[in-house]
Amino acid sequence: MSTIENYRLGNSSDGRDKAESFSCEKFKQYRQACPDGMGPWLMYWRQNFPGLDNKCRGDNGSAMKNWWPFLFY
């Protein structure tokens, strides 16, 4: 089970992040673009980082900022 696609959304019936079953099929679509060992997983993972206009919430309930500027600047 994984909450990666629902990180900080609080979208399950109990208010937590929705957990979904996880397998390698989740990132299979990225194998063409990133054929090396961890490439598909890393692309999938980064596609799920909170980005511009994301709906994620911080611990205090405020809107979470876009993570990308913190990673590269």
N, C-alpha and C. Protein backbone atom coordinates (compact mmCIF):
# COMPACT_ATOMS: atom_id res chain seq x y z
N MET A 1 0.84 -1.17 0.00
CA MET A 1 0.00 0.00 0.00
C MET A 1 0.89 1.25 0.00
N SER A 2 0.44 2.27 -0.69
CA SER A 2 1.23 3.49 -0.81
C SER A 2 0.31 4.71 -0.87
N THR A 3 0.80 5.81 -0.33
CA THR A 3 0.06 7.08 -0.40
C THR A 3 0.76 8.08 -1.31
N ILE A 4 1.74 7.63 -2.08
CA ILE A 4 2.54 8.54 -2.89
C ILE A 4 1.70 9.42 -3.81
N GLU A 5 0.65 8.88 -4.41
CA GLU A 5 -0.18 9.67 -5.33
C GLU A 5 -1.20 10.53 -4.59
N ASN A 6 -1.29 10.38 -3.30
CA ASN A 6 -2.25 11.13 -2.49
C ASN A 6 -1.57 11.86 -1.34
N TYR A 7 -0.28 12.13 -1.48
CA TYR A 7 0.51 12.75 -0.42
C TYR A 7 -0.11 14.07 0.05
N ARG A 8 -0.35 14.14 1.34
CA ARG A 8 -0.87 15.34 2.00
C ARG A 8 -2.20 15.85 1.45
N LEU A 9 -3.00 14.94 0.90
CA LEU A 9 -4.31 15.36 0.38
C LEU A 9 -5.43 15.11 1.39
N GLY A 10 -5.23 14.19 2.32
CA GLY A 10 -6.26 13.89 3.31
C GLY A 10 -7.56 13.44 2.66
N ASN A 11 -7.46 12.64 1.61
CA ASN A 11 -8.62 12.31 0.79
C ASN A 11 -9.24 10.93 1.04
N SER A 12 -8.92 10.29 2.17
CA SER A 12 -9.58 9.04 2.50
C SER A 12 -10.77 9.33 3.42
N SER A 13 -11.58 8.34 3.65
CA SER A 13 -12.79 8.55 4.46
C SER A 13 -12.47 8.94 5.91
N ASP A 14 -11.28 8.59 6.41
CA ASP A 14 -10.90 8.96 7.78
C ASP A 14 -10.06 10.24 7.84
N GLY A 15 -9.90 10.92 6.71
CA GLY A 15 -9.15 12.17 6.68
C GLY A 15 -7.66 12.02 6.46
N ARG A 16 -7.19 10.79 6.40
CA ARG A 16 -5.77 10.56 6.11
C ARG A 16 -5.57 10.53 4.59
N ASP A 17 -4.31 10.40 4.19
CA ASP A 17 -4.02 10.25 2.77
C ASP A 17 -4.50 8.88 2.31
N LYS A 18 -5.15 8.83 1.18
CA LYS A 18 -5.69 7.58 0.65
C LYS A 18 -4.54 6.64 0.27
N ALA A 19 -4.58 5.41 0.78
CA ALA A 19 -3.58 4.39 0.46
C ALA A 19 -4.10 3.52 -0.67
N GLU A 20 -3.26 3.29 -1.67
CA GLU A 20 -3.62 2.46 -2.81
C GLU A 20 -2.58 1.35 -2.96
N SER A 21 -2.98 0.24 -3.57
CA SER A 21 -2.03 -0.84 -3.80
C SER A 21 -0.94 -0.34 -4.75
N PHE A 22 0.26 -0.87 -4.57
CA PHE A 22 1.40 -0.41 -5.34
C PHE A 22 2.14 -1.59 -5.94
N SER A 23 2.58 -1.43 -7.17
CA SER A 23 3.44 -2.42 -7.82
C SER A 23 4.28 -1.69 -8.87
N CYS A 24 5.17 -2.41 -9.50
CA CYS A 24 6.02 -1.84 -10.55
C CYS A 24 5.21 -1.35 -11.74
N GLU A 25 3.98 -1.79 -11.86
CA GLU A 25 3.12 -1.34 -12.96
C GLU A 25 2.88 0.17 -12.89
N LYS A 26 2.95 0.75 -11.70
CA LYS A 26 2.73 2.19 -11.53
C LYS A 26 3.71 3.01 -12.35
N PHE A 27 4.95 2.55 -12.44
CA PHE A 27 5.94 3.35 -13.17
C PHE A 27 6.40 2.70 -14.47
N LYS A 28 5.71 1.68 -14.90
CA LYS A 28 6.03 1.01 -16.16
C LYS A 28 5.97 1.97 -17.35
N GLN A 29 5.05 2.92 -17.31
CA GLN A 29 4.89 3.86 -18.43
C GLN A 29 6.11 4.73 -18.67
N TYR A 30 7.01 4.82 -17.72
CA TYR A 30 8.20 5.67 -17.86
C TYR A 30 9.43 4.92 -18.37
N ARG A 31 9.32 3.61 -18.61
CA ARG A 31 10.47 2.82 -19.04
C ARG A 31 11.01 3.25 -20.40
N GLN A 32 10.16 3.70 -21.26
CA GLN A 32 10.61 4.16 -22.59
C GLN A 32 11.46 5.43 -22.46
N ALA A 33 11.04 6.35 -21.61
CA ALA A 33 11.74 7.62 -21.44
C ALA A 33 13.01 7.48 -20.60
N CYS A 34 12.99 6.56 -19.65
CA CYS A 34 14.11 6.37 -18.72
C CYS A 34 14.44 4.89 -18.59
N PRO A 35 15.10 4.30 -19.57
CA PRO A 35 15.30 2.86 -19.58
C PRO A 35 16.33 2.32 -18.60
N ASP A 36 17.12 3.19 -17.96
CA ASP A 36 18.13 2.68 -17.04
C ASP A 36 17.48 2.16 -15.75
N GLY A 37 18.24 1.53 -14.89
CA GLY A 37 17.76 0.85 -13.69
C GLY A 37 16.69 1.55 -12.88
N MET A 38 17.01 2.67 -12.25
CA MET A 38 16.05 3.35 -11.39
C MET A 38 15.30 4.47 -12.08
N GLY A 39 15.61 4.74 -13.33
CA GLY A 39 15.00 5.85 -14.06
C GLY A 39 13.48 5.88 -14.02
N PRO A 40 12.80 4.77 -14.34
CA PRO A 40 11.33 4.79 -14.32
C PRO A 40 10.76 5.13 -12.95
N TRP A 41 11.34 4.53 -11.89
CA TRP A 41 10.86 4.82 -10.54
C TRP A 41 11.07 6.28 -10.19
N LEU A 42 12.25 6.82 -10.48
CA LEU A 42 12.54 8.22 -10.14
C LEU A 42 11.62 9.18 -10.88
N MET A 43 11.33 8.88 -12.13
CA MET A 43 10.43 9.74 -12.89
C MET A 43 9.02 9.70 -12.29
N TYR A 44 8.54 8.51 -11.96
CA TYR A 44 7.22 8.37 -11.32
C TYR A 44 7.18 9.13 -10.00
N TRP A 45 8.20 8.94 -9.18
CA TRP A 45 8.27 9.57 -7.86
C TRP A 45 8.25 11.09 -8.00
N ARG A 46 9.05 11.60 -8.91
CA ARG A 46 9.11 13.06 -9.09
C ARG A 46 7.84 13.63 -9.70
N GLN A 47 7.13 12.84 -10.48
CA GLN A 47 5.84 13.29 -11.02
C GLN A 47 4.83 13.49 -9.89
N ASN A 48 5.09 12.91 -8.74
CA ASN A 48 4.17 13.01 -7.61
C ASN A 48 4.63 13.98 -6.53
N PHE A 49 5.71 14.70 -6.75
CA PHE A 49 6.11 15.77 -5.83
C PHE A 49 5.05 16.87 -5.88
N PRO A 50 4.77 17.51 -4.77
CA PRO A 50 3.86 18.66 -4.83
C PRO A 50 4.45 19.75 -5.72
N GLY A 51 3.75 20.07 -6.78
CA GLY A 51 4.22 21.06 -7.74
C GLY A 51 3.37 22.32 -7.72
N LEU A 52 3.46 23.06 -8.78
CA LEU A 52 2.71 24.31 -8.92
C LEU A 52 1.21 24.06 -8.79
N ASP A 53 0.55 24.86 -7.99
CA ASP A 53 -0.90 24.78 -7.77
C ASP A 53 -1.36 23.43 -7.23
N ASN A 54 -0.51 22.76 -6.43
CA ASN A 54 -0.90 21.48 -5.85
C ASN A 54 -1.96 21.68 -4.77
N LYS A 55 -2.62 20.60 -4.38
CA LYS A 55 -3.69 20.65 -3.39
C LYS A 55 -3.25 20.11 -2.03
N CYS A 56 -1.95 19.91 -1.84
CA CYS A 56 -1.41 19.37 -0.60
C CYS A 56 -1.51 20.40 0.53
N ARG A 57 -1.63 19.88 1.75
CA ARG A 57 -1.74 20.73 2.93
C ARG A 57 -0.64 20.41 3.93
N GLY A 58 -0.10 21.43 4.56
CA GLY A 58 0.92 21.27 5.58
C GLY A 58 0.30 20.83 6.90
N ASP A 59 1.13 20.63 7.93
CA ASP A 59 0.64 20.19 9.24
C ASP A 59 -0.38 21.14 9.84
N ASN A 60 -0.24 22.43 9.57
CA ASN A 60 -1.17 23.40 10.13
C ASN A 60 -2.38 23.66 9.22
N GLY A 61 -2.49 22.90 8.13
CA GLY A 61 -3.63 23.04 7.23
C GLY A 61 -3.44 24.05 6.12
N SER A 62 -2.32 24.76 6.13
CA SER A 62 -2.09 25.76 5.07
C SER A 62 -1.66 25.07 3.78
N ALA A 63 -1.83 25.75 2.67
CA ALA A 63 -1.44 25.21 1.37
C ALA A 63 0.06 24.95 1.33
N MET A 64 0.43 23.81 0.78
CA MET A 64 1.85 23.46 0.67
C MET A 64 2.43 24.14 -0.56
N LYS A 65 3.62 24.65 -0.40
CA LYS A 65 4.29 25.32 -1.53
C LYS A 65 4.79 24.30 -2.54
N ASN A 66 5.03 24.78 -3.74
CA ASN A 66 5.64 24.01 -4.80
C ASN A 66 7.04 23.58 -4.35
N TRP A 67 7.34 22.29 -4.38
CA TRP A 67 8.64 21.79 -3.93
C TRP A 67 9.76 22.05 -4.93
N TRP A 68 9.45 22.17 -6.19
CA TRP A 68 10.50 22.22 -7.20
C TRP A 68 11.50 23.36 -7.01
N PRO A 69 11.11 24.57 -6.67
CA PRO A 69 12.12 25.62 -6.46
C PRO A 69 13.10 25.27 -5.34
N PHE A 70 12.62 24.56 -4.31
CA PHE A 70 13.51 24.20 -3.20
C PHE A 70 14.52 23.13 -3.61
N LEU A 71 14.17 22.33 -4.60
CA LEU A 71 15.06 21.26 -5.06
C LEU A 71 16.14 21.74 -6.01
N PHE A 72 15.89 22.81 -6.73
CA PHE A 72 16.82 23.21 -7.78
C PHE A 72 17.39 24.61 -7.65
N TYR A 73 16.94 25.40 -6.68
CA TYR A 73 17.46 26.77 -6.58
C TYR A 73 18.01 27.04 -5.21
